[in-house]
């Protein structure tokens, strides 16, 4: 689904979760800032199905104007943050959904330019 902004995307994802559907939201690091309000409030609300936010951090401000470390949102919102390498990216997304469902919280998968620029093997689908 295409939404007007990142905050609305996360709000839709939370609604999907309450309806029993797993959902992922993919944002840049500055887009995660827009998601802060529903991200923090989702902790109190709880979830049914998993919600994962895949966030691309620009650690050297090469593709944006700011440097940000999205891991701090894990502390602020009290949500799990996973940082996969190229070989564990697909399993990390599945682990994020499982963590989200286990702890009834949104899970964050943090990727950086090193991973985004790497040759990542195609995951095998069951």
PDB file of N, CA and C in Angstrom:
ATOM      1  N   UNK A   1       0.833  -1.163   0.000  1.00  0.00           N
ATOM      2  CA  UNK A   1       0.000   0.000   0.000  1.00  0.00           C
ATOM      3  C   UNK A   1       0.889   1.240   0.000  1.00  0.00           C
ATOM      4  N   UNK A   2       0.519   2.223  -0.757  1.00  0.00           N
ATOM      5  CA  UNK A   2       1.229   3.498  -0.776  1.00  0.00           C
ATOM      6  C   UNK A   2       0.433   4.470   0.074  1.00  0.00           C
ATOM      7  N   UNK A   3       1.119   5.162   0.982  1.00  0.00           N
ATOM      8  CA  UNK A   3       0.447   6.106   1.869  1.00  0.00           C
ATOM      9  C   UNK A   3       1.037   7.496   1.692  1.00  0.00           C
ATOM     10  N   UNK A   4       0.421   8.471   2.336  1.00  0.00           N
ATOM     11  CA  UNK A   4       0.859   9.858   2.190  1.00  0.00           C
ATOM     12  C   UNK A   4       2.170  10.137   2.895  1.00  0.00           C
ATOM     13  N   UNK A   5       2.445   9.441   3.980  1.00  0.00           N
ATOM     14  CA  UNK A   5       3.717   9.634   4.683  1.00  0.00           C
ATOM     15  C   UNK A   5       4.006   8.432   5.582  1.00  0.00           C
ATOM     16  N   UNK A   6       5.143   8.462   6.223  1.00  0.00           N
ATOM     17  CA  UNK A   6       5.605   7.332   7.022  1.00  0.00           C
ATOM     18  C   UNK A   6       4.717   7.090   8.247  1.00  0.00           C
ATOM     19  N   UNK A   7       4.265   8.166   8.889  1.00  0.00           N
ATOM     20  CA  UNK A   7       3.408   8.026  10.063  1.00  0.00           C
ATOM     21  C   UNK A   7       2.120   7.289   9.703  1.00  0.00           C
ATOM     22  N   UNK A   8       1.513   7.676   8.602  1.00  0.00           N
ATOM     23  CA  UNK A   8       0.285   7.014   8.154  1.00  0.00           C
ATOM     24  C   UNK A   8       0.565   5.557   7.799  1.00  0.00           C
ATOM     25  N   UNK A   9       1.719   5.288   7.213  1.00  0.00           N
ATOM     26  CA  UNK A   9       2.076   3.909   6.870  1.00  0.00           C
ATOM     27  C   UNK A   9       2.146   3.042   8.126  1.00  0.00           C
ATOM     28  N   UNK A  10       2.765   3.553   9.181  1.00  0.00           N
ATOM     29  CA  UNK A  10       2.848   2.773  10.414  1.00  0.00           C
ATOM     30  C   UNK A  10       1.467   2.618  11.050  1.00  0.00           C
ATOM     31  N   UNK A  11       0.652   3.650  10.980  1.00  0.00           N
ATOM     32  CA  UNK A  11      -0.697   3.537  11.532  1.00  0.00           C
ATOM     33  C   UNK A  11      -1.512   2.471  10.786  1.00  0.00           C
ATOM     34  N   UNK A  12      -1.391   2.418   9.469  1.00  0.00           N
ATOM     35  CA  UNK A  12      -2.043   1.351   8.700  1.00  0.00           C
ATOM     36  C   UNK A  12      -1.503  -0.009   9.118  1.00  0.00           C
ATOM     37  N   UNK A  13      -0.179  -0.106   9.295  1.00  0.00           N
ATOM     38  CA  UNK A  13       0.438  -1.373   9.690  1.00  0.00           C
ATOM     39  C   UNK A  13      -0.084  -1.836  11.049  1.00  0.00           C
ATOM     40  N   UNK A  14      -0.243  -0.909  11.972  1.00  0.00           N
ATOM     41  CA  UNK A  14      -0.773  -1.269  13.286  1.00  0.00           C
ATOM     42  C   UNK A  14      -2.212  -1.771  13.169  1.00  0.00           C
ATOM     43  N   UNK A  15      -2.992  -1.149  12.303  1.00  0.00           N
ATOM     44  CA  UNK A  15      -4.350  -1.627  12.050  1.00  0.00           C
ATOM     45  C   UNK A  15      -4.355  -3.015  11.439  1.00  0.00           C
ATOM     46  N   UNK A  16      -3.440  -3.252  10.489  1.00  0.00           N
ATOM     47  CA  UNK A  16      -3.321  -4.584   9.903  1.00  0.00           C
ATOM     48  C   UNK A  16      -2.969  -5.617  10.970  1.00  0.00           C
ATOM     49  N   UNK A  17      -2.091  -5.239  11.884  1.00  0.00           N
ATOM     50  CA  UNK A  17      -1.702  -6.154  12.948  1.00  0.00           C
ATOM     51  C   UNK A  17      -2.897  -6.534  13.810  1.00  0.00           C
ATOM     52  N   UNK A  18      -3.703  -5.543  14.161  1.00  0.00           N
ATOM     53  CA  UNK A  18      -4.879  -5.833  14.982  1.00  0.00           C
ATOM     54  C   UNK A  18      -5.880  -6.700  14.238  1.00  0.00           C
ATOM     55  N   UNK A  19      -5.846  -6.647  12.889  1.00  0.00           N
ATOM     56  CA  UNK A  19      -6.709  -7.503  12.073  1.00  0.00           C
ATOM     57  C   UNK A  19      -6.079  -8.870  11.819  1.00  0.00           C
ATOM     58  N   UNK A  20      -4.868  -9.100  12.357  1.00  0.00           N
ATOM     59  CA  UNK A  20      -4.229 -10.403  12.240  1.00  0.00           C
ATOM     60  C   UNK A  20      -3.297 -10.565  11.055  1.00  0.00           C
ATOM     61  N   UNK A  21      -2.903  -9.464  10.401  1.00  0.00           N
ATOM     62  CA  UNK A  21      -2.012  -9.542   9.241  1.00  0.00           C
ATOM     63  C   UNK A  21      -0.636  -8.968   9.571  1.00  0.00           C
ATOM     64  N   UNK A  22       0.411  -9.723   9.270  1.00  0.00           N
ATOM     65  CA  UNK A  22       1.775  -9.203   9.411  1.00  0.00           C
ATOM     66  C   UNK A  22       2.005  -8.078   8.399  1.00  0.00           C
ATOM     67  N   UNK A  23       2.755  -7.066   8.822  1.00  0.00           N
ATOM     68  CA  UNK A  23       3.004  -5.929   7.946  1.00  0.00           C
ATOM     69  C   UNK A  23       4.403  -5.386   8.178  1.00  0.00           C
ATOM     70  N   UNK A  24       5.048  -4.965   7.075  1.00  0.00           N
ATOM     71  CA  UNK A  24       6.349  -4.301   7.160  1.00  0.00           C
ATOM     72  C   UNK A  24       6.214  -2.891   6.604  1.00  0.00           C
ATOM     73  N   UNK A  25       6.923  -1.967   7.234  1.00  0.00           N
ATOM     74  CA  UNK A  25       7.001  -0.585   6.781  1.00  0.00           C
ATOM     75  C   UNK A  25       8.468  -0.313   6.490  1.00  0.00           C
ATOM     76  N   UNK A  26       8.762   0.232   5.324  1.00  0.00           N
ATOM     77  CA  UNK A  26      10.149   0.486   4.924  1.00  0.00           C
ATOM     78  C   UNK A  26      10.344   1.991   4.821  1.00  0.00           C
ATOM     79  N   UNK A  27      11.311   2.523   5.586  1.00  0.00           N
ATOM     80  CA  UNK A  27      11.544   3.967   5.640  1.00  0.00           C
ATOM     81  C   UNK A  27      13.034   4.270   5.670  1.00  0.00           C
ATOM     82  N   UNK A  28      13.357   5.508   5.296  1.00  0.00           N
ATOM     83  CA  UNK A  28      14.705   6.032   5.554  1.00  0.00           C
ATOM     84  C   UNK A  28      14.765   6.469   7.012  1.00  0.00           C
ATOM     85  N   UNK A  29      15.956   6.760   7.477  1.00  0.00           N
ATOM     86  CA  UNK A  29      16.116   7.126   8.885  1.00  0.00           C
ATOM     87  C   UNK A  29      15.297   8.360   9.257  1.00  0.00           C
ATOM     88  N   UNK A  30      15.219   9.362   8.401  1.00  0.00           N
ATOM     89  CA  UNK A  30      14.422  10.543   8.731  1.00  0.00           C
ATOM     90  C   UNK A  30      12.927  10.222   8.716  1.00  0.00           C
ATOM     91  N   UNK A  31      12.515   9.226   7.952  1.00  0.00           N
ATOM     92  CA  UNK A  31      11.126   8.794   7.952  1.00  0.00           C
ATOM     93  C   UNK A  31      10.734   8.147   9.263  1.00  0.00           C
ATOM     94  N   UNK A  32      11.708   7.533   9.939  1.00  0.00           N
ATOM     95  CA  UNK A  32      11.417   6.934  11.240  1.00  0.00           C
ATOM     96  C   UNK A  32      11.055   8.010  12.254  1.00  0.00           C
ATOM     97  N   UNK A  33      11.609   9.200  12.095  1.00  0.00           N
ATOM     98  CA  UNK A  33      11.246  10.302  12.993  1.00  0.00           C
ATOM     99  C   UNK A  33       9.750  10.601  12.903  1.00  0.00           C
ATOM    100  N   UNK A  34       9.206  10.555  11.698  1.00  0.00           N
ATOM    101  CA  UNK A  34       7.778  10.803  11.518  1.00  0.00           C
ATOM    102  C   UNK A  34       6.937   9.708  12.154  1.00  0.00           C
ATOM    103  N   UNK A  35       7.511   8.523  12.313  1.00  0.00           N
ATOM    104  CA  UNK A  35       6.792   7.385  12.909  1.00  0.00           C
ATOM    105  C   UNK A  35       6.876   7.360  14.429  1.00  0.00           C
ATOM    106  N   UNK A  36       7.592   8.291  15.025  1.00  0.00           N
ATOM    107  CA  UNK A  36       7.870   8.218  16.460  1.00  0.00           C
ATOM    108  C   UNK A  36       6.601   8.138  17.308  1.00  0.00           C
ATOM    109  N   UNK A  37       5.620   8.963  17.021  1.00  0.00           N
ATOM    110  CA  UNK A  37       4.410   8.985  17.852  1.00  0.00           C
ATOM    111  C   UNK A  37       3.676   7.642  17.830  1.00  0.00           C
ATOM    112  N   UNK A  38       3.289   7.109  16.667  1.00  0.00           N
ATOM    113  CA  UNK A  38       2.604   5.812  16.701  1.00  0.00           C
ATOM    114  C   UNK A  38       3.516   4.672  17.158  1.00  0.00           C
ATOM    115  N   UNK A  39       4.817   4.785  16.938  1.00  0.00           N
ATOM    116  CA  UNK A  39       5.751   3.744  17.383  1.00  0.00           C
ATOM    117  C   UNK A  39       5.745   3.628  18.897  1.00  0.00           C
ATOM    118  N   UNK A  40       5.852   4.748  19.583  1.00  0.00           N
ATOM    119  CA  UNK A  40       5.883   4.730  21.045  1.00  0.00           C
ATOM    120  C   UNK A  40       4.525   4.320  21.612  1.00  0.00           C
ATOM    121  N   UNK A  41       3.443   4.805  21.033  1.00  0.00           N
ATOM    122  CA  UNK A  41       2.115   4.480  21.552  1.00  0.00           C
ATOM    123  C   UNK A  41       1.727   3.029  21.281  1.00  0.00           C
ATOM    124  N   UNK A  42       2.287   2.424  20.250  1.00  0.00           N
ATOM    125  CA  UNK A  42       1.977   1.017  19.955  1.00  0.00           C
ATOM    126  C   UNK A  42       2.449   0.109  21.071  1.00  0.00           C
ATOM    127  N   UNK A  43       3.449   0.541  21.823  1.00  0.00           N
ATOM    128  CA  UNK A  43       3.947  -0.259  22.941  1.00  0.00           C
ATOM    129  C   UNK A  43       2.862  -0.447  23.990  1.00  0.00           C
ATOM    130  N   UNK A  44       2.076   0.590  24.248  1.00  0.00           N
ATOM    131  CA  UNK A  44       1.004   0.501  25.233  1.00  0.00           C
ATOM    132  C   UNK A  44      -0.218  -0.220  24.673  1.00  0.00           C
ATOM    133  N   UNK A  45      -0.418  -0.092  23.378  1.00  0.00           N
ATOM    134  CA  UNK A  45      -1.590  -0.669  22.728  1.00  0.00           C
ATOM    135  C   UNK A  45      -1.488  -2.175  22.594  1.00  0.00           C
ATOM    136  N   UNK A  46      -0.326  -2.680  22.196  1.00  0.00           N
ATOM    137  CA  UNK A  46      -0.149  -4.099  21.944  1.00  0.00           C
ATOM    138  C   UNK A  46      -0.521  -4.461  20.509  1.00  0.00           C
ATOM    139  N   UNK A  47      -0.089  -5.634  20.073  1.00  0.00           N
ATOM    140  CA  UNK A  47      -0.295  -6.082  18.696  1.00  0.00           C
ATOM    141  C   UNK A  47      -0.844  -7.498  18.681  1.00  0.00           C
ATOM    142  N   UNK A  48      -1.353  -7.914  17.531  1.00  0.00           N
ATOM    143  CA  UNK A  48      -1.736  -9.312  17.319  1.00  0.00           C
ATOM    144  C   UNK A  48      -0.737  -9.972  16.379  1.00  0.00           C
ATOM    145  N   UNK A  49      -0.657  -9.492  15.147  1.00  0.00           N
ATOM    146  CA  UNK A  49       0.310 -10.014  14.177  1.00  0.00           C
ATOM    147  C   UNK A  49       1.531  -9.097  14.168  1.00  0.00           C
ATOM    148  N   UNK A  50       2.635  -9.617  13.646  1.00  0.00           N
ATOM    149  CA  UNK A  50       3.892  -8.891  13.684  1.00  0.00           C
ATOM    150  C   UNK A  50       3.929  -7.640  12.812  1.00  0.00           C
ATOM    151  N   UNK A  51       4.623  -6.628  13.324  1.00  0.00           N
ATOM    152  CA  UNK A  51       4.884  -5.398  12.574  1.00  0.00           C
ATOM    153  C   UNK A  51       6.390  -5.150  12.622  1.00  0.00           C
ATOM    154  N   UNK A  52       7.001  -5.044  11.446  1.00  0.00           N
ATOM    155  CA  UNK A  52       8.433  -4.771  11.357  1.00  0.00           C
ATOM    156  C   UNK A  52       8.636  -3.471  10.594  1.00  0.00           C
ATOM    157  N   UNK A  53       9.521  -2.645  11.118  1.00  0.00           N
ATOM    158  CA  UNK A  53       9.941  -1.441  10.405  1.00  0.00           C
ATOM    159  C   UNK A  53      11.360  -1.695   9.928  1.00  0.00           C
ATOM    160  N   UNK A  54      11.568  -1.633   8.621  1.00  0.00           N
ATOM    161  CA  UNK A  54      12.913  -1.734   8.054  1.00  0.00           C
ATOM    162  C   UNK A  54      13.368  -0.302   7.815  1.00  0.00           C
ATOM    163  N   UNK A  55      14.422   0.102   8.507  1.00  0.00           N
ATOM    164  CA  UNK A  55      14.893   1.485   8.415  1.00  0.00           C
ATOM    165  C   UNK A  55      16.310   1.516   7.853  1.00  0.00           C
ATOM    166  N   UNK A  56      16.507   2.359   6.862  1.00  0.00           N
ATOM    167  CA  UNK A  56      17.826   2.540   6.271  1.00  0.00           C
ATOM    168  C   UNK A  56      18.516   3.737   6.890  1.00  0.00           C
ATOM    169  N   UNK A  57      19.521   3.485   7.719  1.00  0.00           N
ATOM    170  CA  UNK A  57      20.281   4.572   8.343  1.00  0.00           C
ATOM    171  C   UNK A  57      21.397   5.036   7.419  1.00  0.00           C
ATOM    172  N   UNK A  58      21.543   6.331   7.276  1.00  0.00           N
ATOM    173  CA  UNK A  58      22.616   6.934   6.490  1.00  0.00           C
ATOM    174  C   UNK A  58      23.682   7.401   7.476  1.00  0.00           C
ATOM    175  N   UNK A  59      24.625   6.530   7.795  1.00  0.00           N
ATOM    176  CA  UNK A  59      25.568   6.787   8.888  1.00  0.00           C
ATOM    177  C   UNK A  59      26.639   7.819   8.555  1.00  0.00           C
ATOM    178  N   UNK A  60      26.763   8.196   7.287  1.00  0.00           N
ATOM    179  CA  UNK A  60      27.752   9.217   6.902  1.00  0.00           C
ATOM    180  C   UNK A  60      27.113  10.406   6.180  1.00  0.00           C
ATOM    181  N   UNK A  61      25.819  10.507   6.193  1.00  0.00           N
ATOM    182  CA  UNK A  61      25.074  11.574   5.501  1.00  0.00           C
ATOM    183  C   UNK A  61      25.469  11.650   4.030  1.00  0.00           C
ATOM    184  N   UNK A  62      25.637  10.496   3.407  1.00  0.00           N
ATOM    185  CA  UNK A  62      25.997  10.452   1.988  1.00  0.00           C
ATOM    186  C   UNK A  62      24.778  10.673   1.100  1.00  0.00           C
ATOM    187  N   UNK A  63      23.621  10.213   1.518  1.00  0.00           N
ATOM    188  CA  UNK A  63      22.420  10.328   0.704  1.00  0.00           C
ATOM    189  C   UNK A  63      21.361  11.219   1.324  1.00  0.00           C
ATOM    190  N   UNK A  64      21.712  11.907   2.399  1.00  0.00           N
ATOM    191  CA  UNK A  64      20.766  12.793   3.070  1.00  0.00           C
ATOM    192  C   UNK A  64      21.543  13.911   3.759  1.00  0.00           C
ATOM    193  N   UNK A  65      20.798  14.777   4.436  1.00  0.00           N
ATOM    194  CA  UNK A  65      21.433  15.919   5.100  1.00  0.00           C
ATOM    195  C   UNK A  65      21.821  15.656   6.544  1.00  0.00           C
ATOM    196  N   UNK A  66      21.364  14.547   7.094  1.00  0.00           N
ATOM    197  CA  UNK A  66      21.599  14.291   8.513  1.00  0.00           C
ATOM    198  C   UNK A  66      22.120  12.877   8.747  1.00  0.00           C
ATOM    199  N   UNK A  67      22.827  12.727   9.841  1.00  0.00           N
ATOM    200  CA  UNK A  67      23.269  11.420  10.314  1.00  0.00           C
ATOM    201  C   UNK A  67      22.342  11.046  11.461  1.00  0.00           C
ATOM    202  N   UNK A  68      21.900   9.807  11.477  1.00  0.00           N
ATOM    203  CA  UNK A  68      21.016   9.379  12.555  1.00  0.00           C
ATOM    204  C   UNK A  68      21.277   7.917  12.859  1.00  0.00           C
ATOM    205  N   UNK A  69      21.192   7.582  14.123  1.00  0.00           N
ATOM    206  CA  UNK A  69      21.304   6.195  14.565  1.00  0.00           C
ATOM    207  C   UNK A  69      19.935   5.770  15.087  1.00  0.00           C
ATOM    208  N   UNK A  70      19.230   5.002  14.304  1.00  0.00           N
ATOM    209  CA  UNK A  70      17.858   4.615  14.652  1.00  0.00           C
ATOM    210  C   UNK A  70      17.778   3.624  15.801  1.00  0.00           C
ATOM    211  N   UNK A  71      18.911   3.120  16.240  1.00  0.00           N
ATOM    212  CA  UNK A  71      18.885   2.192  17.380  1.00  0.00           C
ATOM    213  C   UNK A  71      18.355   2.868  18.639  1.00  0.00           C
ATOM    214  N   UNK A  72      18.485   4.183  18.713  1.00  0.00           N
ATOM    215  CA  UNK A  72      17.971   4.891  19.884  1.00  0.00           C
ATOM    216  C   UNK A  72      16.454   4.772  20.006  1.00  0.00           C
ATOM    217  N   UNK A  73      15.765   4.607  18.885  1.00  0.00           N
ATOM    218  CA  UNK A  73      14.322   4.397  18.954  1.00  0.00           C
ATOM    219  C   UNK A  73      13.993   3.082  19.652  1.00  0.00           C
ATOM    220  N   UNK A  74      14.887   2.123  19.586  1.00  0.00           N
ATOM    221  CA  UNK A  74      14.682   0.885  20.326  1.00  0.00           C
ATOM    222  C   UNK A  74      14.605   1.139  21.822  1.00  0.00           C
ATOM    223  N   UNK A  75      15.474   2.025  22.308  1.00  0.00           N
ATOM    224  CA  UNK A  75      15.461   2.373  23.726  1.00  0.00           C
ATOM    225  C   UNK A  75      14.251   3.216  24.085  1.00  0.00           C
ATOM    226  N   UNK A  76      13.965   4.229  23.276  1.00  0.00           N
ATOM    227  CA  UNK A  76      12.867   5.143  23.564  1.00  0.00           C
ATOM    228  C   UNK A  76      11.523   4.417  23.532  1.00  0.00           C
ATOM    229  N   UNK A  77      11.296   3.618  22.490  1.00  0.00           N
ATOM    230  CA  UNK A  77      10.009   2.937  22.323  1.00  0.00           C
ATOM    231  C   UNK A  77       9.982   1.565  22.992  1.00  0.00           C
ATOM    232  N   UNK A  78      11.123   1.121  23.511  1.00  0.00           N
ATOM    233  CA  UNK A  78      11.231  -0.199  24.146  1.00  0.00           C
ATOM    234  C   UNK A  78      10.828  -1.310  23.183  1.00  0.00           C
ATOM    235  N   UNK A  79      11.456  -1.278  22.002  1.00  0.00           N
ATOM    236  CA  UNK A  79      11.201  -2.280  20.972  1.00  0.00           C
ATOM    237  C   UNK A  79      12.512  -2.951  20.586  1.00  0.00           C
ATOM    238  N   UNK A  80      12.456  -4.195  20.112  1.00  0.00           N
ATOM    239  CA  UNK A  80      13.676  -4.870  19.667  1.00  0.00           C
ATOM    240  C   UNK A  80      14.202  -4.265  18.370  1.00  0.00           C
ATOM    241  N   UNK A  81      15.524  -4.201  18.269  1.00  0.00           N
ATOM    242  CA  UNK A  81      16.198  -3.703  17.064  1.00  0.00           C
ATOM    243  C   UNK A  81      17.159  -4.784  16.599  1.00  0.00           C
ATOM    244  N   UNK A  82      17.030  -5.189  15.344  1.00  0.00           N
ATOM    245  CA  UNK A  82      17.920  -6.186  14.764  1.00  0.00           C
ATOM    246  C   UNK A  82      18.801  -5.512  13.738  1.00  0.00           C
ATOM    247  N   UNK A  83      20.072  -5.903  13.687  1.00  0.00           N
ATOM    248  CA  UNK A  83      21.025  -5.361  12.723  1.00  0.00           C
ATOM    249  C   UNK A  83      21.684  -6.503  11.965  1.00  0.00           C
ATOM    250  N   UNK A  84      21.071  -6.941  10.875  1.00  0.00           N
ATOM    251  CA  UNK A  84      21.608  -8.085  10.142  1.00  0.00           C
ATOM    252  C   UNK A  84      22.783  -7.694   9.255  1.00  0.00           C
ATOM    253  N   UNK A  85      23.542  -8.717   8.857  1.00  0.00           N
ATOM    254  CA  UNK A  85      24.535  -8.514   7.806  1.00  0.00           C
ATOM    255  C   UNK A  85      23.925  -9.060   6.514  1.00  0.00           C
ATOM    256  N   UNK A  86      24.697  -9.079   5.454  1.00  0.00           N
ATOM    257  CA  UNK A  86      24.171  -9.497   4.164  1.00  0.00           C
ATOM    258  C   UNK A  86      23.627 -10.905   4.134  1.00  0.00           C
ATOM    259  N   UNK A  87      24.234 -11.799   4.889  1.00  0.00           N
ATOM    260  CA  UNK A  87      23.809 -13.198   4.864  1.00  0.00           C
ATOM    261  C   UNK A  87      22.632 -13.476   5.783  1.00  0.00           C
ATOM    262  N   UNK A  88      22.353 -12.569   6.700  1.00  0.00           N
ATOM    263  CA  UNK A  88      21.272 -12.819   7.663  1.00  0.00           C
ATOM    264  C   UNK A  88      20.101 -11.857   7.495  1.00  0.00           C
ATOM    265  N   UNK A  89      20.048 -11.145   6.381  1.00  0.00           N
ATOM    266  CA  UNK A  89      18.987 -10.158   6.188  1.00  0.00           C
ATOM    267  C   UNK A  89      17.600 -10.801   6.160  1.00  0.00           C
ATOM    268  N   UNK A  90      17.403 -11.800   5.315  1.00  0.00           N
ATOM    269  CA  UNK A  90      16.082 -12.446   5.226  1.00  0.00           C
ATOM    270  C   UNK A  90      15.694 -13.099   6.556  1.00  0.00           C
ATOM    271  N   UNK A  91      16.592 -13.864   7.198  1.00  0.00           N
ATOM    272  CA  UNK A  91      16.221 -14.424   8.499  1.00  0.00           C
ATOM    273  C   UNK A  91      15.955 -13.348   9.558  1.00  0.00           C
ATOM    274  N   UNK A  92      16.619 -12.196   9.446  1.00  0.00           N
ATOM    275  CA  UNK A  92      16.405 -11.122  10.425  1.00  0.00           C
ATOM    276  C   UNK A  92      15.006 -10.536  10.303  1.00  0.00           C
ATOM    277  N   UNK A  93      14.496 -10.426   9.094  1.00  0.00           N
ATOM    278  CA  UNK A  93      13.135  -9.918   8.915  1.00  0.00           C
ATOM    279  C   UNK A  93      12.138 -10.901   9.526  1.00  0.00           C
ATOM    280  N   UNK A  94      12.326 -12.184   9.298  1.00  0.00           N
ATOM    281  CA  UNK A  94      11.452 -13.189   9.911  1.00  0.00           C
ATOM    282  C   UNK A  94      11.578 -13.135  11.429  1.00  0.00           C
ATOM    283  N   UNK A  95      12.799 -12.984  11.934  1.00  0.00           N
ATOM    284  CA  UNK A  95      13.004 -12.886  13.383  1.00  0.00           C
ATOM    285  C   UNK A  95      12.338 -11.632  13.948  1.00  0.00           C
ATOM    286  N   UNK A  96      12.337 -10.559  13.174  1.00  0.00           N
ATOM    287  CA  UNK A  96      11.668  -9.331  13.612  1.00  0.00           C
ATOM    288  C   UNK A  96      10.167  -9.563  13.763  1.00  0.00           C
ATOM    289  N   UNK A  97       9.551 -10.250  12.802  1.00  0.00           N
ATOM    290  CA  UNK A  97       8.128 -10.564  12.920  1.00  0.00           C
ATOM    291  C   UNK A  97       7.862 -11.442  14.138  1.00  0.00           C
ATOM    292  N   UNK A  98       8.710 -12.435  14.353  1.00  0.00           N
ATOM    293  CA  UNK A  98       8.527 -13.328  15.498  1.00  0.00           C
ATOM    294  C   UNK A  98       8.694 -12.579  16.816  1.00  0.00           C
ATOM    295  N   UNK A  99       9.696 -11.692  16.890  1.00  0.00           N
ATOM    296  CA  UNK A  99       9.903 -10.895  18.103  1.00  0.00           C
ATOM    297  C   UNK A  99       8.720  -9.963  18.331  1.00  0.00           C
ATOM    298  N   UNK A 100       8.230  -9.375  17.264  1.00  0.00           N
ATOM    299  CA  UNK A 100       7.080  -8.483  17.372  1.00  0.00           C
ATOM    300  C   UNK A 100       5.873  -9.213  17.949  1.00  0.00           C
ATOM    301  N   UNK A 101       5.640 -10.422  17.473  1.00  0.00           N
ATOM    302  CA  UNK A 101       4.500 -11.195  17.959  1.00  0.00           C
ATOM    303  C   UNK A 101       4.730 -11.723  19.373  1.00  0.00           C
ATOM    304  N   UNK A 102       5.959 -12.106  19.683  1.00  0.00           N
ATOM    305  CA  UNK A 102       6.273 -12.630  21.018  1.00  0.00           C
ATOM    306  C   UNK A 102       6.120 -11.557  22.081  1.00  0.00           C
ATOM    307  N   UNK A 103       6.644 -10.354  21.803  1.00  0.00           N
ATOM    308  CA  UNK A 103       6.656  -9.284  22.800  1.00  0.00           C
ATOM    309  C   UNK A 103       5.518  -8.275  22.617  1.00  0.00           C
ATOM    310  N   UNK A 104       4.670  -8.473  21.593  1.00  0.00           N
ATOM    311  CA  UNK A 104       3.552  -7.581  21.292  1.00  0.00           C
ATOM    312  C   UNK A 104       4.028  -6.137  21.135  1.00  0.00           C
ATOM    313  N   UNK A 105       5.110  -6.001  20.353  1.00  0.00           N
ATOM    314  CA  UNK A 105       5.691  -4.689  20.077  1.00  0.00           C
ATOM    315  C   UNK A 105       6.153  -4.657  18.621  1.00  0.00           C
ATOM    316  N   UNK A 106       6.258  -3.468  18.086  1.00  0.00           N
ATOM    317  CA  UNK A 106       6.860  -3.299  16.766  1.00  0.00           C
ATOM    318  C   UNK A 106       8.327  -3.700  16.874  1.00  0.00           C
ATOM    319  N   UNK A 107       8.914  -4.267  15.845  1.00  0.00           N
ATOM    320  CA  UNK A 107      10.336  -4.583  15.805  1.00  0.00           C
ATOM    321  C   UNK A 107      10.982  -3.774  14.689  1.00  0.00           C
ATOM    322  N   UNK A 108      12.219  -3.360  14.915  1.00  0.00           N
ATOM    323  CA  UNK A 108      12.955  -2.559  13.933  1.00  0.00           C
ATOM    324  C   UNK A 108      14.094  -3.390  13.363  1.00  0.00           C
ATOM    325  N   UNK A 109      14.227  -3.364  12.036  1.00  0.00           N
ATOM    326  CA  UNK A 109      15.371  -3.974  11.353  1.00  0.00           C
ATOM    327  C   UNK A 109      16.171  -2.815  10.772  1.00  0.00           C
ATOM    328  N   UNK A 110      17.374  -2.619  11.284  1.00  0.00           N
ATOM    329  CA  UNK A 110      18.216  -1.494  10.869  1.00  0.00           C
ATOM    330  C   UNK A 110      19.210  -1.948   9.815  1.00  0.00           C
ATOM    331  N   UNK A 111      19.209  -1.262   8.678  1.00  0.00           N
ATOM    332  CA  UNK A 111      20.180  -1.540   7.629  1.00  0.00           C
ATOM    333  C   UNK A 111      20.973  -0.263   7.359  1.00  0.00           C
ATOM    334  N   UNK A 112      22.225  -0.432   6.968  1.00  0.00           N
ATOM    335  CA  UNK A 112      23.119   0.692   6.718  1.00  0.00           C
ATOM    336  C   UNK A 112      23.651   0.621   5.290  1.00  0.00           C
ATOM    337  N   UNK A 113      24.298   1.683   4.817  1.00  0.00           N
ATOM    338  CA  UNK A 113      24.809   1.648   3.444  1.00  0.00           C
ATOM    339  C   UNK A 113      25.726   0.467   3.153  1.00  0.00           C
ATOM    340  N   UNK A 114      26.496   0.026   4.131  1.00  0.00           N
ATOM    341  CA  UNK A 114      27.350  -1.131   3.912  1.00  0.00           C
ATOM    342  C   UNK A 114      26.558  -2.355   3.495  1.00  0.00           C
ATOM    343  N   UNK A 115      25.422  -2.559   4.121  1.00  0.00           N
ATOM    344  CA  UNK A 115      24.551  -3.677   3.766  1.00  0.00           C
ATOM    345  C   UNK A 115      23.795  -3.385   2.476  1.00  0.00           C
ATOM    346  N   UNK A 116      23.312  -2.171   2.328  1.00  0.00           N
ATOM    347  CA  UNK A 116      22.534  -1.822   1.142  1.00  0.00           C
ATOM    348  C   UNK A 116      23.364  -1.904  -0.134  1.00  0.00           C
ATOM    349  N   UNK A 117      24.672  -1.663  -0.027  1.00  0.00           N
ATOM    350  CA  UNK A 117      25.555  -1.713  -1.185  1.00  0.00           C
ATOM    351  C   UNK A 117      26.176  -3.091  -1.399  1.00  0.00           C
ATOM    352  N   UNK A 118      25.956  -4.015  -0.473  1.00  0.00           N
ATOM    353  CA  UNK A 118      26.584  -5.337  -0.551  1.00  0.00           C
ATOM    354  C   UNK A 118      25.821  -6.250  -1.504  1.00  0.00           C
ATOM    355  N   UNK A 119      26.502  -7.274  -1.963  1.00  0.00           N
ATOM    356  CA  UNK A 119      25.854  -8.329  -2.740  1.00  0.00           C
ATOM    357  C   UNK A 119      25.179  -9.279  -1.757  1.00  0.00           C
ATOM    358  N   UNK A 120      23.867  -9.253  -1.732  1.00  0.00           N
ATOM    359  CA  UNK A 120      23.103 -10.065  -0.795  1.00  0.00           C
ATOM    360  C   UNK A 120      22.520 -11.244  -1.558  1.00  0.00           C
ATOM    361  N   UNK A 121      22.733 -12.468  -1.053  1.00  0.00           N
ATOM    362  CA  UNK A 121      22.183 -13.639  -1.747  1.00  0.00           C
ATOM    363  C   UNK A 121      20.671 -13.643  -1.708  1.00  0.00           C
ATOM    364  N   UNK A 122      20.065 -14.183  -2.757  1.00  0.00           N
ATOM    365  CA  UNK A 122      18.615 -14.328  -2.811  1.00  0.00           C
ATOM    366  C   UNK A 122      18.177 -15.325  -1.731  1.00  0.00           C
ATOM    367  N   UNK A 123      17.140 -14.981  -0.962  1.00  0.00           N
ATOM    368  CA  UNK A 123      16.672 -15.945   0.044  1.00  0.00           C
ATOM    369  C   UNK A 123      15.926 -17.087  -0.628  1.00  0.00           C
ATOM    370  N   UNK A 124      16.043 -18.257  -0.036  1.00  0.00           N
ATOM    371  CA  UNK A 124      15.287 -19.404  -0.558  1.00  0.00           C
ATOM    372  C   UNK A 124      13.917 -19.391   0.098  1.00  0.00           C
ATOM    373  N   UNK A 125      12.899 -19.457  -0.716  1.00  0.00           N
ATOM    374  CA  UNK A 125      11.535 -19.441  -0.202  1.00  0.00           C
ATOM    375  C   UNK A 125      11.044 -20.864  -0.003  1.00  0.00           C
ATOM    376  N   UNK A 126      10.312 -21.096   1.105  1.00  0.00           N
ATOM    377  CA  UNK A 126       9.824 -22.462   1.365  1.00  0.00           C
ATOM    378  C   UNK A 126       8.754 -22.885   0.405  1.00  0.00           C
TER     379      UNK A 126
END
